[in-house]
């Protein structure tokens, strides 16, 4: 592990904004606005009052942005490849993300830690791992599936010898409704390849992920 490439800096030289890079896709904003108007009426509000008159269109634009991952193929963000002289672990940790629980459409948010073992000396850009997280997070999700989708796509697209993903997140559907336990965290992991078959390697990288 001495030669491993470890970083918690997901920025690179290029300037990148997810909302600007992605097309909003086939989002029917008029239908969303209509639905939001009906919800406001259903809860007893007046959609025509000053504070709410523009809310339906604002929500429609917001949904087009936060669900923009539905209109893309996440594997495409890994198209950029480089050749290096090692096949040691690559780890990018503390990638912030925001997603929406598909059960209540309330946010869940936290950090993702993504590691892989290159094969044939081929790696992708560090920022591409953050983009992969975003591509899957920006859609209605559950944390368990999000974790596995990132690991599976990274494994298949790079033909990596192993992939390991850990996500730590707080869910507003637990914090502001239902059981109402703010501050509770859910941790999920997904492993492929060498990280499944080599427990010591998996344990070592998980410890690196947990270090502050």
C-alpha atoms as a PDB file:
ATOM      1  CA  UNK A   1       0.000   0.000   0.000  1.00  0.00           C
ATOM      2  CA  UNK A   2       3.030   2.314   0.242  1.00  0.00           C
ATOM      3  CA  UNK A   3       2.705   3.347  -3.398  1.00  0.00           C
ATOM      4  CA  UNK A   4      -1.064   3.786  -3.275  1.00  0.00           C
ATOM      5  CA  UNK A   5      -2.555   6.972  -4.683  1.00  0.00           C
ATOM      6  CA  UNK A   6      -4.575   8.378  -1.782  1.00  0.00           C
ATOM      7  CA  UNK A   7      -6.376  11.722  -1.893  1.00  0.00           C
ATOM      8  CA  UNK A   8      -9.342  13.514  -0.416  1.00  0.00           C
ATOM      9  CA  UNK A   9      -9.123  16.323  -2.971  1.00  0.00           C
ATOM     10  CA  UNK A  10     -11.656  15.587  -5.706  1.00  0.00           C
ATOM     11  CA  UNK A  11     -10.963  18.764  -7.657  1.00  0.00           C
ATOM     12  CA  UNK A  12      -8.748  18.807 -10.708  1.00  0.00           C
ATOM     13  CA  UNK A  13      -7.506  21.450 -13.131  1.00  0.00           C
ATOM     14  CA  UNK A  14     -10.742  21.691 -15.086  1.00  0.00           C
ATOM     15  CA  UNK A  15     -13.676  23.773 -13.944  1.00  0.00           C
ATOM     16  CA  UNK A  16     -16.775  21.633 -13.775  1.00  0.00           C
ATOM     17  CA  UNK A  17     -20.347  22.141 -12.682  1.00  0.00           C
ATOM     18  CA  UNK A  18     -22.673  19.165 -12.810  1.00  0.00           C
ATOM     19  CA  UNK A  19     -25.807  21.198 -13.481  1.00  0.00           C
ATOM     20  CA  UNK A  20     -24.153  23.027 -16.365  1.00  0.00           C
ATOM     21  CA  UNK A  21     -22.554  19.923 -17.871  1.00  0.00           C
ATOM     22  CA  UNK A  22     -25.670  17.764 -18.012  1.00  0.00           C
ATOM     23  CA  UNK A  23     -28.759  18.312 -20.044  1.00  0.00           C
ATOM     24  CA  UNK A  24     -31.877  18.321 -17.919  1.00  0.00           C
ATOM     25  CA  UNK A  25     -33.174  15.569 -20.185  1.00  0.00           C
ATOM     26  CA  UNK A  26     -36.814  14.809 -20.982  1.00  0.00           C
ATOM     27  CA  UNK A  27     -38.275  16.491 -17.891  1.00  0.00           C
ATOM     28  CA  UNK A  28     -41.850  17.745 -18.224  1.00  0.00           C
ATOM     29  CA  UNK A  29     -41.535  20.850 -16.074  1.00  0.00           C
ATOM     30  CA  UNK A  30     -45.092  21.982 -16.844  1.00  0.00           C
ATOM     31  CA  UNK A  31     -46.481  18.733 -15.440  1.00  0.00           C
ATOM     32  CA  UNK A  32     -44.324  19.062 -12.325  1.00  0.00           C
ATOM     33  CA  UNK A  33     -45.516  22.638 -11.784  1.00  0.00           C
ATOM     34  CA  UNK A  34     -49.118  21.536 -12.159  1.00  0.00           C
ATOM     35  CA  UNK A  35     -48.599  18.747  -9.631  1.00  0.00           C
ATOM     36  CA  UNK A  36     -46.960  21.091  -7.119  1.00  0.00           C
ATOM     37  CA  UNK A  37     -49.899  23.492  -7.447  1.00  0.00           C
ATOM     38  CA  UNK A  38     -52.265  20.626  -6.651  1.00  0.00           C
ATOM     39  CA  UNK A  39     -50.163  19.611  -3.630  1.00  0.00           C
ATOM     40  CA  UNK A  40     -50.237  23.160  -2.277  1.00  0.00           C
ATOM     41  CA  UNK A  41     -54.011  23.229  -2.677  1.00  0.00           C
ATOM     42  CA  UNK A  42     -54.345  19.777  -1.071  1.00  0.00           C
ATOM     43  CA  UNK A  43     -52.480  20.821   2.087  1.00  0.00           C
ATOM     44  CA  UNK A  44     -54.726  23.867   2.452  1.00  0.00           C
ATOM     45  CA  UNK A  45     -52.496  26.567   0.973  1.00  0.00           C
ATOM     46  CA  UNK A  46     -53.342  29.233  -1.584  1.00  0.00           C
ATOM     47  CA  UNK A  47     -51.005  28.783  -4.599  1.00  0.00           C
ATOM     48  CA  UNK A  48     -51.879  32.291  -5.807  1.00  0.00           C
ATOM     49  CA  UNK A  49     -50.590  34.152  -2.761  1.00  0.00           C
ATOM     50  CA  UNK A  50     -47.413  36.185  -3.187  1.00  0.00           C
ATOM     51  CA  UNK A  51     -44.998  33.807  -1.463  1.00  0.00           C
ATOM     52  CA  UNK A  52     -46.176  30.758  -3.412  1.00  0.00           C
ATOM     53  CA  UNK A  53     -47.096  32.084  -6.838  1.00  0.00           C
ATOM     54  CA  UNK A  54     -43.721  31.136  -8.357  1.00  0.00           C
ATOM     55  CA  UNK A  55     -43.117  28.053  -6.213  1.00  0.00           C
ATOM     56  CA  UNK A  56     -44.438  25.458  -8.717  1.00  0.00           C
ATOM     57  CA  UNK A  57     -42.074  26.626 -11.465  1.00  0.00           C
ATOM     58  CA  UNK A  58     -39.172  26.850  -9.022  1.00  0.00           C
ATOM     59  CA  UNK A  59     -39.790  23.275  -7.894  1.00  0.00           C
ATOM     60  CA  UNK A  60     -40.020  22.133 -11.517  1.00  0.00           C
ATOM     61  CA  UNK A  61     -36.624  23.664 -12.333  1.00  0.00           C
ATOM     62  CA  UNK A  62     -35.170  22.167  -9.167  1.00  0.00           C
ATOM     63  CA  UNK A  63     -36.436  18.668 -10.016  1.00  0.00           C
ATOM     64  CA  UNK A  64     -34.937  18.940 -13.503  1.00  0.00           C
ATOM     65  CA  UNK A  65     -31.588  19.642 -11.855  1.00  0.00           C
ATOM     66  CA  UNK A  66     -31.563  17.220  -8.934  1.00  0.00           C
ATOM     67  CA  UNK A  67     -32.851  14.329 -11.063  1.00  0.00           C
ATOM     68  CA  UNK A  68     -30.651  15.104 -14.074  1.00  0.00           C
ATOM     69  CA  UNK A  69     -28.723  11.861 -13.565  1.00  0.00           C
ATOM     70  CA  UNK A  70     -31.690  10.004 -15.071  1.00  0.00           C
ATOM     71  CA  UNK A  71     -30.836  11.378 -18.499  1.00  0.00           C
ATOM     72  CA  UNK A  72     -27.237  10.174 -18.679  1.00  0.00           C
ATOM     73  CA  UNK A  73     -25.195   7.001 -18.844  1.00  0.00           C
ATOM     74  CA  UNK A  74     -22.961   7.156 -15.733  1.00  0.00           C
ATOM     75  CA  UNK A  75     -20.320   4.956 -17.359  1.00  0.00           C
ATOM     76  CA  UNK A  76     -19.653   7.735 -19.879  1.00  0.00           C
ATOM     77  CA  UNK A  77     -17.920   9.842 -17.222  1.00  0.00           C
ATOM     78  CA  UNK A  78     -15.198   7.178 -17.013  1.00  0.00           C
ATOM     79  CA  UNK A  79     -14.263   7.386 -20.699  1.00  0.00           C
ATOM     80  CA  UNK A  80     -11.067   9.341 -19.944  1.00  0.00           C
ATOM     81  CA  UNK A  81      -8.235   6.877 -19.283  1.00  0.00           C
ATOM     82  CA  UNK A  82      -4.535   7.134 -18.466  1.00  0.00           C
ATOM     83  CA  UNK A  83      -1.739   4.602 -18.205  1.00  0.00           C
ATOM     84  CA  UNK A  84       0.416   4.533 -15.080  1.00  0.00           C
ATOM     85  CA  UNK A  85       3.348   2.422 -13.926  1.00  0.00           C
ATOM     86  CA  UNK A  86       1.568   0.826 -10.965  1.00  0.00           C
ATOM     87  CA  UNK A  87      -1.531  -1.179 -10.112  1.00  0.00           C
ATOM     88  CA  UNK A  88      -1.895  -0.043  -6.516  1.00  0.00           C
ATOM     89  CA  UNK A  89      -5.078   1.117  -4.801  1.00  0.00           C
ATOM     90  CA  UNK A  90      -6.604   4.408  -5.951  1.00  0.00           C
ATOM     91  CA  UNK A  91      -8.829   5.981  -3.303  1.00  0.00           C
ATOM     92  CA  UNK A  92     -10.837   9.182  -3.396  1.00  0.00           C
ATOM     93  CA  UNK A  93     -12.567   9.834  -0.085  1.00  0.00           C
ATOM     94  CA  UNK A  94     -14.993  12.359   1.362  1.00  0.00           C
ATOM     95  CA  UNK A  95     -16.881  12.996  -1.877  1.00  0.00           C
ATOM     96  CA  UNK A  96     -19.943  15.032  -0.841  1.00  0.00           C
ATOM     97  CA  UNK A  97     -23.241  14.141  -2.473  1.00  0.00           C
ATOM     98  CA  UNK A  98     -26.958  14.932  -2.256  1.00  0.00           C
ATOM     99  CA  UNK A  99     -29.675  12.566  -3.378  1.00  0.00           C
ATOM    100  CA  UNK A 100     -33.419  12.027  -2.897  1.00  0.00           C
ATOM    101  CA  UNK A 101     -34.954   9.017  -1.200  1.00  0.00           C
ATOM    102  CA  UNK A 102     -37.366   7.448  -3.667  1.00  0.00           C
ATOM    103  CA  UNK A 103     -39.829   6.526  -0.906  1.00  0.00           C
ATOM    104  CA  UNK A 104     -40.607  10.071   0.268  1.00  0.00           C
ATOM    105  CA  UNK A 105     -38.656  12.285  -2.176  1.00  0.00           C
ATOM    106  CA  UNK A 106     -36.840  13.783   0.796  1.00  0.00           C
ATOM    107  CA  UNK A 107     -33.092  14.405   0.633  1.00  0.00           C
ATOM    108  CA  UNK A 108     -30.397  12.141   1.949  1.00  0.00           C
ATOM    109  CA  UNK A 109     -26.849  13.414   1.903  1.00  0.00           C
ATOM    110  CA  UNK A 110     -23.367  12.621   3.094  1.00  0.00           C
ATOM    111  CA  UNK A 111     -20.038  11.457   1.744  1.00  0.00           C
ATOM    112  CA  UNK A 112     -18.879   8.681  -0.547  1.00  0.00           C
ATOM    113  CA  UNK A 113     -15.508   6.961  -0.474  1.00  0.00           C
ATOM    114  CA  UNK A 114     -14.519   5.205  -3.705  1.00  0.00           C
ATOM    115  CA  UNK A 115     -11.526   2.896  -4.213  1.00  0.00           C
ATOM    116  CA  UNK A 116     -10.384   0.621  -7.006  1.00  0.00           C
ATOM    117  CA  UNK A 117      -7.449  -1.543  -8.048  1.00  0.00           C
ATOM    118  CA  UNK A 118      -6.382  -0.716 -11.620  1.00  0.00           C
ATOM    119  CA  UNK A 119      -5.864  -3.478 -14.130  1.00  0.00           C
ATOM    120  CA  UNK A 120      -3.443  -3.327 -17.074  1.00  0.00           C
ATOM    121  CA  UNK A 121      -2.017  -0.104 -15.569  1.00  0.00           C
ATOM    122  CA  UNK A 122      -5.128   1.824 -16.659  1.00  0.00           C
ATOM    123  CA  UNK A 123      -6.727   4.505 -14.471  1.00  0.00           C
ATOM    124  CA  UNK A 124      -9.274   7.265 -14.881  1.00  0.00           C
ATOM    125  CA  UNK A 125      -9.107  10.873 -13.691  1.00  0.00           C
ATOM    126  CA  UNK A 126      -9.694  11.390  -9.972  1.00  0.00           C
ATOM    127  CA  UNK A 127     -12.518  13.848 -10.589  1.00  0.00           C
ATOM    128  CA  UNK A 128     -14.292  11.210 -12.684  1.00  0.00           C
ATOM    129  CA  UNK A 129     -14.956   9.193  -9.536  1.00  0.00           C
ATOM    130  CA  UNK A 130     -16.764  12.189  -8.047  1.00  0.00           C
ATOM    131  CA  UNK A 131     -18.733  12.587 -11.270  1.00  0.00           C
ATOM    132  CA  UNK A 132     -19.746   8.929 -11.150  1.00  0.00           C
ATOM    133  CA  UNK A 133     -21.120   9.415  -7.638  1.00  0.00           C
ATOM    134  CA  UNK A 134     -23.071  12.486  -8.786  1.00  0.00           C
ATOM    135  CA  UNK A 135     -24.484  10.749 -11.853  1.00  0.00           C
ATOM    136  CA  UNK A 136     -26.104   8.060  -9.708  1.00  0.00           C
ATOM    137  CA  UNK A 137     -26.988  10.328  -6.772  1.00  0.00           C
ATOM    138  CA  UNK A 138     -28.988  12.740  -8.949  1.00  0.00           C
ATOM    139  CA  UNK A 139     -32.002  10.487  -9.348  1.00  0.00           C
ATOM    140  CA  UNK A 140     -34.606   8.963  -7.010  1.00  0.00           C
ATOM    141  CA  UNK A 141     -32.518   6.531  -4.979  1.00  0.00           C
ATOM    142  CA  UNK A 142     -32.037   4.253  -2.034  1.00  0.00           C
ATOM    143  CA  UNK A 143     -28.600   4.286  -0.432  1.00  0.00           C
ATOM    144  CA  UNK A 144     -28.008   0.559  -0.802  1.00  0.00           C
ATOM    145  CA  UNK A 145     -28.598   0.664  -4.560  1.00  0.00           C
ATOM    146  CA  UNK A 146     -26.554   3.844  -4.972  1.00  0.00           C
ATOM    147  CA  UNK A 147     -23.564   2.174  -3.295  1.00  0.00           C
ATOM    148  CA  UNK A 148     -23.783  -0.928  -5.469  1.00  0.00           C
ATOM    149  CA  UNK A 149     -24.333   0.993  -8.719  1.00  0.00           C
ATOM    150  CA  UNK A 150     -21.150   2.997  -8.199  1.00  0.00           C
ATOM    151  CA  UNK A 151     -19.118  -0.125  -7.419  1.00  0.00           C
ATOM    152  CA  UNK A 152     -20.553  -2.124 -10.317  1.00  0.00           C
ATOM    153  CA  UNK A 153     -20.120   0.594 -12.944  1.00  0.00           C
ATOM    154  CA  UNK A 154     -16.555   1.330 -11.844  1.00  0.00           C
ATOM    155  CA  UNK A 155     -15.732  -2.379 -11.927  1.00  0.00           C
ATOM    156  CA  UNK A 156     -17.202  -2.942 -15.391  1.00  0.00           C
ATOM    157  CA  UNK A 157     -16.127   0.289 -17.102  1.00  0.00           C
ATOM    158  CA  UNK A 158     -12.495   0.146 -15.950  1.00  0.00           C
ATOM    159  CA  UNK A 159     -12.271  -3.646 -15.781  1.00  0.00           C
ATOM    160  CA  UNK A 160     -10.748  -3.012 -12.366  1.00  0.00           C
ATOM    161  CA  UNK A 161      -9.243  -5.852 -10.361  1.00  0.00           C
ATOM    162  CA  UNK A 162     -11.371  -4.734  -7.454  1.00  0.00           C
ATOM    163  CA  UNK A 163     -13.675  -1.921  -6.365  1.00  0.00           C
ATOM    164  CA  UNK A 164     -14.795  -0.840  -2.909  1.00  0.00           C
ATOM    165  CA  UNK A 165     -17.363   1.856  -2.132  1.00  0.00           C
ATOM    166  CA  UNK A 166     -18.527   3.128   1.249  1.00  0.00           C
ATOM    167  CA  UNK A 167     -21.277   5.714   1.710  1.00  0.00           C
ATOM    168  CA  UNK A 168     -22.187   7.513   4.936  1.00  0.00           C
ATOM    169  CA  UNK A 169     -25.419   9.506   4.823  1.00  0.00           C
ATOM    170  CA  UNK A 170     -28.129  11.162   6.858  1.00  0.00           C
ATOM    171  CA  UNK A 171     -31.706  10.674   5.670  1.00  0.00           C
ATOM    172  CA  UNK A 172     -34.258  13.417   6.228  1.00  0.00           C
ATOM    173  CA  UNK A 173     -37.030  10.833   6.052  1.00  0.00           C
ATOM    174  CA  UNK A 174     -35.613   9.623   9.397  1.00  0.00           C
ATOM    175  CA  UNK A 175     -34.668  13.066  10.739  1.00  0.00           C
ATOM    176  CA  UNK A 176     -37.703  15.283  10.093  1.00  0.00           C
ATOM    177  CA  UNK A 177     -40.534  12.726   9.944  1.00  0.00           C
ATOM    178  CA  UNK A 178     -41.310   9.206  11.112  1.00  0.00           C
ATOM    179  CA  UNK A 179     -38.895   8.161  13.852  1.00  0.00           C
ATOM    180  CA  UNK A 180     -37.427  11.724  13.941  1.00  0.00           C
ATOM    181  CA  UNK A 181     -33.837  10.899  14.870  1.00  0.00           C
ATOM    182  CA  UNK A 182     -31.689  13.735  13.480  1.00  0.00           C
ATOM    183  CA  UNK A 183     -27.970  13.078  13.236  1.00  0.00           C
ATOM    184  CA  UNK A 184     -28.275   9.317  12.745  1.00  0.00           C
ATOM    185  CA  UNK A 185     -26.070   8.002   9.951  1.00  0.00           C
ATOM    186  CA  UNK A 186     -26.521   5.058   7.611  1.00  0.00           C
ATOM    187  CA  UNK A 187     -23.354   3.347   6.339  1.00  0.00           C
ATOM    188  CA  UNK A 188     -23.365   1.037   3.329  1.00  0.00           C
ATOM    189  CA  UNK A 189     -20.530  -0.727   1.518  1.00  0.00           C
ATOM    190  CA  UNK A 190     -20.170  -2.585  -1.772  1.00  0.00           C
ATOM    191  CA  UNK A 191     -17.170  -4.650  -2.829  1.00  0.00           C
ATOM    192  CA  UNK A 192     -16.178  -6.325  -6.069  1.00  0.00           C
ATOM    193  CA  UNK A 193     -13.223  -8.451  -7.160  1.00  0.00           C
ATOM    194  CA  UNK A 194     -10.139  -8.417  -4.939  1.00  0.00           C
ATOM    195  CA  UNK A 195     -11.946  -6.517  -2.203  1.00  0.00           C
ATOM    196  CA  UNK A 196     -14.350  -9.449  -1.904  1.00  0.00           C
ATOM    197  CA  UNK A 197     -11.719 -12.189  -1.984  1.00  0.00           C
ATOM    198  CA  UNK A 198      -8.968 -10.520   0.080  1.00  0.00           C
ATOM    199  CA  UNK A 199     -10.363  -9.601   3.518  1.00  0.00           C
ATOM    200  CA  UNK A 200      -7.103  -8.016   4.710  1.00  0.00           C
ATOM    201  CA  UNK A 201      -6.978  -5.670   1.717  1.00  0.00           C
ATOM    202  CA  UNK A 202     -10.615  -4.761   2.201  1.00  0.00           C
ATOM    203  CA  UNK A 203     -10.069  -4.092   5.913  1.00  0.00           C
ATOM    204  CA  UNK A 204      -7.008  -1.923   5.216  1.00  0.00           C
ATOM    205  CA  UNK A 205      -8.821   0.283   2.703  1.00  0.00           C
ATOM    206  CA  UNK A 206     -11.943   0.549   4.872  1.00  0.00           C
ATOM    207  CA  UNK A 207      -9.719   1.836   7.675  1.00  0.00           C
ATOM    208  CA  UNK A 208      -8.299   4.468   5.327  1.00  0.00           C
ATOM    209  CA  UNK A 209     -11.835   5.477   4.360  1.00  0.00           C
ATOM    210  CA  UNK A 210     -12.826   5.917   8.003  1.00  0.00           C
ATOM    211  CA  UNK A 211      -9.818   8.056   8.928  1.00  0.00           C
ATOM    212  CA  UNK A 212     -10.616  11.742   9.258  1.00  0.00           C
END
